[in-house]
Amino acid sequence: MITTSIIVPCYNQEKYLRETLDSVLAQTSPDWECIIVNDGSTDNSEKIIDEYCQKDSRFIKLNQHNQGLSASRNNGIKQAKGTFILPLDGDDKIGTQYLELAEKEFAKTPQPKLVYCKAEFFGAKNEYWDLPEYNYEKLLFLNHIFCSAIFKKEDYLKTSGYDTDMKLGYEDWEFWVQLLRKDDIVVQLDSIQFFYRQREDSMVKSLHESKAKRHQMEWHIFTKHRDIYGQMLNSDMSLAEIEHVFQLRQTLKKIKKTITYKTIYKVERAIRSLF
């Protein structure tokens, strides 16, 4: 019986793909399938995929013309036979116990809607990824769950899937906004089981370095889910008003980075400690 389907989109990942697939092979939980979506790769990625399919029948190849990350995930999930879904990009890695620990959490009552873990960066930067504690309201304005969290396929089918219009990035954030509601249980495992590769040429790095691209993708999310943001803000706010709230948040983030703010914050904490 297949418990978890791991979906690996792959576009020209010959340099990293073996590391990703080896991390899947090393899982302590054996009841998985790994659907590798070859998104029109022009390098030797398909040869590597074929190599792993021959090595272990739990690897499955899905070929398609180049359609992008979101479509690759959606197409892979459509073919998935597992109860649970784990998206895993073709240059990242998972820890050996990720599936085992997540499956134990899903066996609990009440059942969580989403399970993820602690994480580390590797590659161009090697350090612990200090993720904020999960908070639904915070998630609506700042994504703090990486793409390789685990969810049930039946819950995925209640959404419209990963947004294929979000080709610049943040498609995982938009999917979490679709998937989750305020009262849903989200569990972060107390274990480092995800390793996020840092690359100088990554799509995420390009997005973070471009304010215009970030704003475009963020505004796409806010516009698409106007009803959710309106409920959270407890009003029938217009898109312009929601954008104003977003701009205030951006301003506050900049203020918090200033020396003046940090100094005042330290003084305030020192004064509070006296009482």
C-alpha atoms as a PDB file:
ATOM      1  CA  MET A   1       0.000   0.000   0.000  1.00  0.00           C
ATOM      2  CA  ILE A   2       1.326   3.432  -0.937  1.00  0.00           C
ATOM      3  CA  THR A   3       1.078   5.851   1.974  1.00  0.00           C
ATOM      4  CA  THR A   4       2.909   8.905   0.608  1.00  0.00           C
ATOM      5  CA  SER A   5       3.424  10.115  -2.938  1.00  0.00           C
ATOM      6  CA  ILE A   6       6.521  12.268  -3.368  1.00  0.00           C
ATOM      7  CA  ILE A   7       6.231  14.629  -6.339  1.00  0.00           C
ATOM      8  CA  VAL A   8       9.540  15.787  -7.831  1.00  0.00           C
ATOM      9  CA  PRO A   9       9.302  18.389 -10.623  1.00  0.00           C
ATOM     10  CA  CYS A  10      12.481  18.342 -12.687  1.00  0.00           C
ATOM     11  CA  TYR A  11      13.690  20.784 -15.298  1.00  0.00           C
ATOM     12  CA  ASN A  12      17.405  20.493 -16.160  1.00  0.00           C
ATOM     13  CA  GLN A  13      18.437  19.320 -12.692  1.00  0.00           C
ATOM     14  CA  GLU A  14      21.127  16.818 -13.729  1.00  0.00           C
ATOM     15  CA  LYS A  15      23.602  18.435 -11.337  1.00  0.00           C
ATOM     16  CA  TYR A  16      21.466  17.892  -8.232  1.00  0.00           C
ATOM     17  CA  LEU A  17      18.823  15.277  -8.999  1.00  0.00           C
ATOM     18  CA  ARG A  18      20.739  12.253  -7.704  1.00  0.00           C
ATOM     19  CA  GLU A  19      21.086  13.853  -4.260  1.00  0.00           C
ATOM     20  CA  THR A  20      17.349  14.486  -4.168  1.00  0.00           C
ATOM     21  CA  LEU A  21      16.417  10.951  -5.200  1.00  0.00           C
ATOM     22  CA  ASP A  22      18.987   9.379  -2.874  1.00  0.00           C
ATOM     23  CA  SER A  23      17.332  11.204   0.016  1.00  0.00           C
ATOM     24  CA  VAL A  24      14.038   9.589  -1.015  1.00  0.00           C
ATOM     25  CA  LEU A  25      15.634   6.143  -1.207  1.00  0.00           C
ATOM     26  CA  ALA A  26      16.988   6.567   2.322  1.00  0.00           C
ATOM     27  CA  GLN A  27      13.535   6.943   3.933  1.00  0.00           C
ATOM     28  CA  THR A  28      12.867   4.750   6.965  1.00  0.00           C
ATOM     29  CA  SER A  29       9.220   4.489   5.919  1.00  0.00           C
ATOM     30  CA  PRO A  30       9.065   2.175   2.876  1.00  0.00           C
ATOM     31  CA  ASP A  31       5.509   2.767   1.681  1.00  0.00           C
ATOM     32  CA  TRP A  32       6.130   5.568  -0.789  1.00  0.00           C
ATOM     33  CA  GLU A  33       6.120   6.238  -4.494  1.00  0.00           C
ATOM     34  CA  CYS A  34       8.152   9.001  -6.104  1.00  0.00           C
ATOM     35  CA  ILE A  35       6.722  10.549  -9.257  1.00  0.00           C
ATOM     36  CA  ILE A  36       9.440  12.458 -11.092  1.00  0.00           C
ATOM     37  CA  VAL A  37       7.919  14.926 -13.524  1.00  0.00           C
ATOM     38  CA  ASN A  38      10.383  15.568 -16.342  1.00  0.00           C
ATOM     39  CA  ASP A  39       9.298  19.043 -17.425  1.00  0.00           C
ATOM     40  CA  GLY A  40      10.865  19.019 -20.878  1.00  0.00           C
ATOM     41  CA  SER A  41      14.472  18.827 -19.648  1.00  0.00           C
ATOM     42  CA  THR A  42      17.143  19.326 -22.298  1.00  0.00           C
ATOM     43  CA  ASP A  43      20.087  18.049 -20.237  1.00  0.00           C
ATOM     44  CA  ASN A  44      20.745  14.514 -18.906  1.00  0.00           C
ATOM     45  CA  SER A  45      17.981  14.629 -16.303  1.00  0.00           C
ATOM     46  CA  GLU A  46      15.864  12.002 -18.073  1.00  0.00           C
ATOM     47  CA  LYS A  47      18.763   9.542 -18.126  1.00  0.00           C
ATOM     48  CA  ILE A  48      19.141   9.955 -14.373  1.00  0.00           C
ATOM     49  CA  ILE A  49      15.384   9.483 -13.906  1.00  0.00           C
ATOM     50  CA  ASP A  50      15.505   6.277 -15.964  1.00  0.00           C
ATOM     51  CA  GLU A  51      18.442   5.058 -13.880  1.00  0.00           C
ATOM     52  CA  TYR A  52      16.456   5.402 -10.645  1.00  0.00           C
ATOM     53  CA  CYS A  53      13.308   3.903 -12.165  1.00  0.00           C
ATOM     54  CA  GLN A  54      15.339   0.832 -13.069  1.00  0.00           C
ATOM     55  CA  LYS A  55      16.930   0.762  -9.625  1.00  0.00           C
ATOM     56  CA  ASP A  56      13.640   0.861  -7.693  1.00  0.00           C
ATOM     57  CA  SER A  57      10.109   0.376  -9.021  1.00  0.00           C
ATOM     58  CA  ARG A  58       8.771   2.956  -6.553  1.00  0.00           C
ATOM     59  CA  PHE A  59      10.224   5.648  -8.830  1.00  0.00           C
ATOM     60  CA  ILE A  60       7.885   6.625 -11.659  1.00  0.00           C
ATOM     61  CA  LYS A  61       8.715   8.876 -14.612  1.00  0.00           C
ATOM     62  CA  LEU A  62       6.191  11.313 -16.034  1.00  0.00           C
ATOM     63  CA  ASN A  63       7.291  13.145 -19.189  1.00  0.00           C
ATOM     64  CA  GLN A  64       5.699  16.384 -20.369  1.00  0.00           C
ATOM     65  CA  HIS A  65       6.478  19.381 -22.544  1.00  0.00           C
ATOM     66  CA  ASN A  66       7.830  22.280 -20.516  1.00  0.00           C
ATOM     67  CA  GLN A  67       4.920  23.708 -18.506  1.00  0.00           C
ATOM     68  CA  GLY A  68       6.551  25.114 -15.384  1.00  0.00           C
ATOM     69  CA  LEU A  69       6.748  24.244 -11.707  1.00  0.00           C
ATOM     70  CA  SER A  70       3.072  24.568 -10.759  1.00  0.00           C
ATOM     71  CA  ALA A  71       1.815  22.476 -13.670  1.00  0.00           C
ATOM     72  CA  SER A  72       4.474  19.846 -12.957  1.00  0.00           C
ATOM     73  CA  ARG A  73       3.315  19.502  -9.364  1.00  0.00           C
ATOM     74  CA  ASN A  74      -0.339  19.392 -10.389  1.00  0.00           C
ATOM     75  CA  ASN A  75       0.263  16.768 -13.068  1.00  0.00           C
ATOM     76  CA  GLY A  76       2.292  14.636 -10.698  1.00  0.00           C
ATOM     77  CA  ILE A  77      -0.341  14.818  -7.966  1.00  0.00           C
ATOM     78  CA  LYS A  78      -3.045  13.774 -10.457  1.00  0.00           C
ATOM     79  CA  GLN A  79      -1.128  10.509 -10.970  1.00  0.00           C
ATOM     80  CA  ALA A  80      -0.440   9.990  -7.256  1.00  0.00           C
ATOM     81  CA  LYS A  81      -1.812   6.895  -5.515  1.00  0.00           C
ATOM     82  CA  GLY A  82      -0.743   7.816  -1.985  1.00  0.00           C
ATOM     83  CA  THR A  83      -2.921   9.141   0.813  1.00  0.00           C
ATOM     84  CA  PHE A  84      -0.413  11.906   1.483  1.00  0.00           C
ATOM     85  CA  ILE A  85       1.455  14.240  -0.859  1.00  0.00           C
ATOM     86  CA  LEU A  86       4.995  15.570  -0.422  1.00  0.00           C
ATOM     87  CA  PRO A  87       6.190  18.071  -3.056  1.00  0.00           C
ATOM     88  CA  LEU A  88       9.989  17.946  -3.324  1.00  0.00           C
ATOM     89  CA  ASP A  89      11.941  20.093  -5.776  1.00  0.00           C
ATOM     90  CA  GLY A  90      14.623  18.368  -7.825  1.00  0.00           C
ATOM     91  CA  ASP A  91      17.528  20.105  -6.079  1.00  0.00           C
ATOM     92  CA  ASP A  92      16.444  19.800  -2.414  1.00  0.00           C
ATOM     93  CA  LYS A  93      16.704  16.901   0.054  1.00  0.00           C
ATOM     94  CA  ILE A  94      14.672  15.347   2.854  1.00  0.00           C
ATOM     95  CA  GLY A  95      15.900  13.711   6.044  1.00  0.00           C
ATOM     96  CA  THR A  96      15.666   9.945   6.441  1.00  0.00           C
ATOM     97  CA  GLN A  97      12.759  10.046   8.933  1.00  0.00           C
ATOM     98  CA  TYR A  98      10.597  12.732   7.362  1.00  0.00           C
ATOM     99  CA  LEU A  99       7.898  10.397   6.055  1.00  0.00           C
ATOM    100  CA  GLU A 100       7.917   8.193   9.137  1.00  0.00           C
ATOM    101  CA  LEU A 101       7.547  11.101  11.561  1.00  0.00           C
ATOM    102  CA  ALA A 102       4.883  12.826   9.448  1.00  0.00           C
ATOM    103  CA  GLU A 103       2.825   9.662   9.093  1.00  0.00           C
ATOM    104  CA  LYS A 104       2.797   9.281  12.891  1.00  0.00           C
ATOM    105  CA  GLU A 105       1.429  12.818  13.224  1.00  0.00           C
ATOM    106  CA  PHE A 106      -1.319  12.151  10.680  1.00  0.00           C
ATOM    107  CA  ALA A 107      -2.324   9.052  12.664  1.00  0.00           C
ATOM    108  CA  LYS A 108      -3.196  11.217  15.676  1.00  0.00           C
ATOM    109  CA  THR A 109      -6.640  12.557  16.572  1.00  0.00           C
ATOM    110  CA  PRO A 110      -7.538  15.249  15.763  1.00  0.00           C
ATOM    111  CA  GLN A 111      -5.663  14.895  12.508  1.00  0.00           C
ATOM    112  CA  PRO A 112      -3.491  17.781  11.294  1.00  0.00           C
ATOM    113  CA  LYS A 113      -4.152  19.429   7.955  1.00  0.00           C
ATOM    114  CA  LEU A 114      -0.453  19.983   7.239  1.00  0.00           C
ATOM    115  CA  VAL A 115       2.818  18.621   8.610  1.00  0.00           C
ATOM    116  CA  TYR A 116       6.242  20.133   8.055  1.00  0.00           C
ATOM    117  CA  CYS A 117       9.536  20.155   9.962  1.00  0.00           C
ATOM    118  CA  LYS A 118      12.577  22.142  10.932  1.00  0.00           C
ATOM    119  CA  ALA A 119      15.003  22.859   8.116  1.00  0.00           C
ATOM    120  CA  GLU A 120      18.517  23.797   7.077  1.00  0.00           C
ATOM    121  CA  PHE A 121      20.006  25.665   4.146  1.00  0.00           C
ATOM    122  CA  PHE A 122      22.801  24.005   2.203  1.00  0.00           C
ATOM    123  CA  GLY A 123      24.786  24.777  -0.925  1.00  0.00           C
ATOM    124  CA  ALA A 124      25.798  28.431  -1.343  1.00  0.00           C
ATOM    125  CA  LYS A 125      24.811  28.956   2.311  1.00  0.00           C
ATOM    126  CA  ASN A 126      24.966  26.338   5.064  1.00  0.00           C
ATOM    127  CA  GLU A 127      23.036  27.187   8.223  1.00  0.00           C
ATOM    128  CA  TYR A 128      19.929  26.483  10.266  1.00  0.00           C
ATOM    129  CA  TRP A 129      16.744  27.940   8.777  1.00  0.00           C
ATOM    130  CA  ASP A 130      15.143  29.879  11.628  1.00  0.00           C
ATOM    131  CA  LEU A 131      11.495  29.654  10.629  1.00  0.00           C
ATOM    132  CA  PRO A 132       8.906  31.673  12.594  1.00  0.00           C
ATOM    133  CA  GLU A 133       6.365  29.710  14.637  1.00  0.00           C
ATOM    134  CA  TYR A 134       3.287  28.932  12.543  1.00  0.00           C
ATOM    135  CA  ASN A 135       0.510  31.474  12.779  1.00  0.00           C
ATOM    136  CA  TYR A 136      -2.429  31.565  10.363  1.00  0.00           C
ATOM    137  CA  GLU A 137      -2.830  35.351  10.293  1.00  0.00           C
ATOM    138  CA  LYS A 138       0.895  35.805   9.795  1.00  0.00           C
ATOM    139  CA  LEU A 139       0.874  33.249   6.965  1.00  0.00           C
ATOM    140  CA  LEU A 140      -1.592  35.364   5.003  1.00  0.00           C
ATOM    141  CA  PHE A 141       0.956  38.187   4.772  1.00  0.00           C
ATOM    142  CA  LEU A 142       4.270  36.353   5.110  1.00  0.00           C
ATOM    143  CA  ASN A 143       4.911  32.790   4.011  1.00  0.00           C
ATOM    144  CA  HIS A 144       6.801  30.818   6.648  1.00  0.00           C
ATOM    145  CA  ILE A 145       6.165  27.256   5.451  1.00  0.00           C
ATOM    146  CA  PHE A 146       8.483  25.876   2.781  1.00  0.00           C
ATOM    147  CA  CYS A 147       7.129  24.047  -0.264  1.00  0.00           C
ATOM    148  CA  SER A 148       7.938  20.526   0.986  1.00  0.00           C
ATOM    149  CA  ALA A 149       5.227  20.221   3.630  1.00  0.00           C
ATOM    150  CA  ILE A 150       2.968  17.144   3.634  1.00  0.00           C
ATOM    151  CA  PHE A 151      -0.800  17.162   3.123  1.00  0.00           C
ATOM    152  CA  LYS A 152      -3.578  14.750   2.187  1.00  0.00           C
ATOM    153  CA  LYS A 153      -4.436  14.272  -1.479  1.00  0.00           C
ATOM    154  CA  GLU A 154      -8.141  14.489  -0.659  1.00  0.00           C
ATOM    155  CA  ASP A 155      -7.554  17.989   0.740  1.00  0.00           C
ATOM    156  CA  TYR A 156      -5.582  18.958  -2.364  1.00  0.00           C
ATOM    157  CA  LEU A 157      -8.552  17.925  -4.504  1.00  0.00           C
ATOM    158  CA  LYS A 158     -10.687  20.502  -2.697  1.00  0.00           C
ATOM    159  CA  THR A 159      -8.415  23.280  -4.001  1.00  0.00           C
ATOM    160  CA  SER A 160      -7.701  24.452  -7.534  1.00  0.00           C
ATOM    161  CA  GLY A 161      -4.136  23.162  -7.218  1.00  0.00           C
ATOM    162  CA  TYR A 162      -0.916  25.102  -7.645  1.00  0.00           C
ATOM    163  CA  ASP A 163      -1.541  28.304  -9.601  1.00  0.00           C
ATOM    164  CA  THR A 164       0.013  27.986 -13.068  1.00  0.00           C
ATOM    165  CA  ASP A 165      -0.124  31.765 -13.530  1.00  0.00           C
ATOM    166  CA  MET A 166       2.459  32.247 -10.769  1.00  0.00           C
ATOM    167  CA  LYS A 167       5.520  31.585 -12.887  1.00  0.00           C
ATOM    168  CA  LEU A 168       7.713  34.047 -10.964  1.00  0.00           C
ATOM    169  CA  GLY A 169       7.345  32.211  -7.656  1.00  0.00           C
ATOM    170  CA  TYR A 170       5.289  32.153  -4.407  1.00  0.00           C
ATOM    171  CA  GLU A 171       3.066  29.413  -5.873  1.00  0.00           C
ATOM    172  CA  ASP A 172       3.574  27.369  -2.693  1.00  0.00           C
ATOM    173  CA  TRP A 173       2.474  30.309  -0.512  1.00  0.00           C
ATOM    174  CA  GLU A 174      -0.661  30.792  -2.608  1.00  0.00           C
ATOM    175  CA  PHE A 175      -1.404  27.064  -2.264  1.00  0.00           C
ATOM    176  CA  TRP A 176      -1.161  27.251   1.539  1.00  0.00           C
ATOM    177  CA  VAL A 177      -3.627  30.160   1.471  1.00  0.00           C
ATOM    178  CA  GLN A 178      -6.002  27.935  -0.515  1.00  0.00           C
ATOM    179  CA  LEU A 179      -5.486  24.857   1.634  1.00  0.00           C
ATOM    180  CA  LEU A 180      -5.537  26.206   5.180  1.00  0.00           C
ATOM    181  CA  ARG A 181      -8.121  27.873   7.374  1.00  0.00           C
ATOM    182  CA  LYS A 182      -7.729  29.480  10.773  1.00  0.00           C
ATOM    183  CA  ASP A 183      -8.849  26.469  12.839  1.00  0.00           C
ATOM    184  CA  ASP A 184      -6.815  23.864  10.941  1.00  0.00           C
ATOM    185  CA  ILE A 185      -4.084  22.037  12.835  1.00  0.00           C
ATOM    186  CA  VAL A 186      -0.589  22.578  11.420  1.00  0.00           C
ATOM    187  CA  VAL A 187       2.271  20.602  12.965  1.00  0.00           C
ATOM    188  CA  GLN A 188       5.962  21.380  12.750  1.00  0.00           C
ATOM    189  CA  LEU A 189       8.071  18.340  13.617  1.00  0.00           C
ATOM    190  CA  ASP A 190      10.779  18.974  16.192  1.00  0.00           C
ATOM    191  CA  SER A 191      13.389  17.544  13.873  1.00  0.00           C
ATOM    192  CA  ILE A 192      15.446  18.831  10.932  1.00  0.00           C
ATOM    193  CA  GLN A 193      14.107  16.804   8.021  1.00  0.00           C
ATOM    194  CA  PHE A 194      14.250  19.255   5.117  1.00  0.00           C
ATOM    195  CA  PHE A 195      17.330  20.647   3.395  1.00  0.00           C
ATOM    196  CA  TYR A 196      16.793  23.635   1.133  1.00  0.00           C
ATOM    197  CA  ARG A 197      19.484  24.220  -1.460  1.00  0.00           C
ATOM    198  CA  GLN A 198      20.747  27.779  -1.836  1.00  0.00           C
ATOM    199  CA  ARG A 199      21.722  28.652  -5.419  1.00  0.00           C
ATOM    200  CA  GLU A 200      22.885  31.886  -6.979  1.00  0.00           C
ATOM    201  CA  ASP A 201      20.674  31.260 -10.021  1.00  0.00           C
ATOM    202  CA  SER A 202      17.490  30.140  -8.236  1.00  0.00           C
ATOM    203  CA  MET A 203      14.020  31.476  -9.063  1.00  0.00           C
ATOM    204  CA  VAL A 204      13.404  32.324  -5.398  1.00  0.00           C
ATOM    205  CA  LYS A 205      16.615  34.382  -5.183  1.00  0.00           C
ATOM    206  CA  SER A 206      15.633  36.269  -8.335  1.00  0.00           C
ATOM    207  CA  LEU A 207      12.182  36.965  -6.886  1.00  0.00           C
ATOM    208  CA  HIS A 208      13.550  38.208  -3.567  1.00  0.00           C
ATOM    209  CA  GLU A 209      15.915  40.584  -5.345  1.00  0.00           C
ATOM    210  CA  SER A 210      13.132  42.167  -7.402  1.00  0.00           C
ATOM    211  CA  LYS A 211      10.656  44.309  -5.502  1.00  0.00           C
ATOM    212  CA  ALA A 212       8.463  44.614  -8.605  1.00  0.00           C
ATOM    213  CA  LYS A 213       8.241  40.821  -9.065  1.00  0.00           C
ATOM    214  CA  ARG A 214       7.518  40.261  -5.375  1.00  0.00           C
ATOM    215  CA  HIS A 215       4.805  42.883  -5.379  1.00  0.00           C
ATOM    216  CA  GLN A 216       3.272  41.401  -8.533  1.00  0.00           C
ATOM    217  CA  MET A 217       3.037  37.912  -7.030  1.00  0.00           C
ATOM    218  CA  GLU A 218       1.869  39.139  -3.615  1.00  0.00           C
ATOM    219  CA  TRP A 219      -0.813  41.295  -5.190  1.00  0.00           C
ATOM    220  CA  HIS A 220      -1.919  38.317  -7.297  1.00  0.00           C
ATOM    221  CA  ILE A 221      -2.462  36.334  -4.081  1.00  0.00           C
ATOM    222  CA  PHE A 222      -4.332  39.148  -2.329  1.00  0.00           C
ATOM    223  CA  THR A 223      -6.546  39.762  -5.351  1.00  0.00           C
ATOM    224  CA  LYS A 224      -7.322  36.081  -5.895  1.00  0.00           C
ATOM    225  CA  HIS A 225      -8.234  35.557  -2.231  1.00  0.00           C
ATOM    226  CA  ARG A 226      -9.929  38.844  -1.511  1.00  0.00           C
ATOM    227  CA  ASP A 227     -12.658  37.046   0.487  1.00  0.00           C
ATOM    228  CA  ILE A 228     -10.134  35.425   2.829  1.00  0.00           C
ATOM    229  CA  TYR A 229      -8.221  38.649   3.463  1.00  0.00           C
ATOM    230  CA  GLY A 230     -11.456  40.557   3.967  1.00  0.00           C
ATOM    231  CA  GLN A 231     -12.606  38.037   6.605  1.00  0.00           C
ATOM    232  CA  MET A 232      -9.265  38.126   8.374  1.00  0.00           C
ATOM    233  CA  LEU A 233      -9.372  41.921   8.549  1.00  0.00           C
ATOM    234  CA  ASN A 234     -13.005  41.665   9.706  1.00  0.00           C
ATOM    235  CA  SER A 235     -14.339  44.090   7.128  1.00  0.00           C
ATOM    236  CA  ASP A 236     -15.455  44.514   3.552  1.00  0.00           C
ATOM    237  CA  MET A 237     -12.235  46.245   2.613  1.00  0.00           C
ATOM    238  CA  SER A 238     -11.599  47.142  -0.970  1.00  0.00           C
ATOM    239  CA  LEU A 239      -8.530  45.857  -2.784  1.00  0.00           C
ATOM    240  CA  ALA A 240      -6.996  49.330  -2.463  1.00  0.00           C
ATOM    241  CA  GLU A 241      -7.494  49.242   1.318  1.00  0.00           C
ATOM    242  CA  ILE A 242      -6.011  45.752   1.580  1.00  0.00           C
ATOM    243  CA  GLU A 243      -3.033  46.958  -0.447  1.00  0.00           C
ATOM    244  CA  HIS A 244      -2.655  49.870   1.978  1.00  0.00           C
ATOM    245  CA  VAL A 245      -2.474  47.388   4.876  1.00  0.00           C
ATOM    246  CA  PHE A 246       0.167  45.464   2.972  1.00  0.00           C
ATOM    247  CA  GLN A 247       2.196  48.622   2.344  1.00  0.00           C
ATOM    248  CA  LEU A 248       2.048  49.474   6.063  1.00  0.00           C
ATOM    249  CA  ARG A 249       3.382  46.019   6.833  1.00  0.00           C
ATOM    250  CA  GLN A 250       6.278  46.567   4.436  1.00  0.00           C
ATOM    251  CA  THR A 251       7.037  49.923   6.087  1.00  0.00           C
ATOM    252  CA  LEU A 252       7.007  48.354   9.554  1.00  0.00           C
ATOM    253  CA  LYS A 253       9.415  45.662   8.400  1.00  0.00           C
ATOM    254  CA  LYS A 254      11.850  48.360   7.245  1.00  0.00           C
ATOM    255  CA  ILE A 255      11.480  50.295  10.509  1.00  0.00           C
ATOM    256  CA  LYS A 256      12.236  47.192  12.573  1.00  0.00           C
ATOM    257  CA  LYS A 257      15.586  46.879  10.800  1.00  0.00           C
ATOM    258  CA  THR A 258      16.746  50.364  11.772  1.00  0.00           C
ATOM    259  CA  ILE A 259      19.272  51.016  14.543  1.00  0.00           C
ATOM    260  CA  THR A 260      16.863  53.459  16.225  1.00  0.00           C
ATOM    261  CA  TYR A 261      14.096  50.859  16.503  1.00  0.00           C
ATOM    262  CA  LYS A 262      16.471  48.178  17.778  1.00  0.00           C
ATOM    263  CA  THR A 263      17.890  50.562  20.385  1.00  0.00           C
ATOM    264  CA  ILE A 264      14.437  51.631  21.615  1.00  0.00           C
ATOM    265  CA  TYR A 265      13.340  47.990  21.760  1.00  0.00           C
ATOM    266  CA  LYS A 266      16.355  47.035  23.889  1.00  0.00           C
ATOM    267  CA  VAL A 267      15.779  49.964  26.250  1.00  0.00           C
ATOM    268  CA  GLU A 268      12.098  49.043  26.587  1.00  0.00           C
ATOM    269  CA  ARG A 269      12.961  45.438  27.433  1.00  0.00           C
ATOM    270  CA  ALA A 270      15.521  46.588  29.999  1.00  0.00           C
ATOM    271  CA  ILE A 271      12.943  48.856  31.685  1.00  0.00           C
ATOM    272  CA  ARG A 272      10.319  46.090  31.756  1.00  0.00           C
ATOM    273  CA  SER A 273      12.779  43.724  33.407  1.00  0.00           C
ATOM    274  CA  LEU A 274      13.006  46.095  36.386  1.00  0.00           C
ATOM    275  CA  PHE A 275       9.336  45.602  37.267  1.00  0.00           C
END
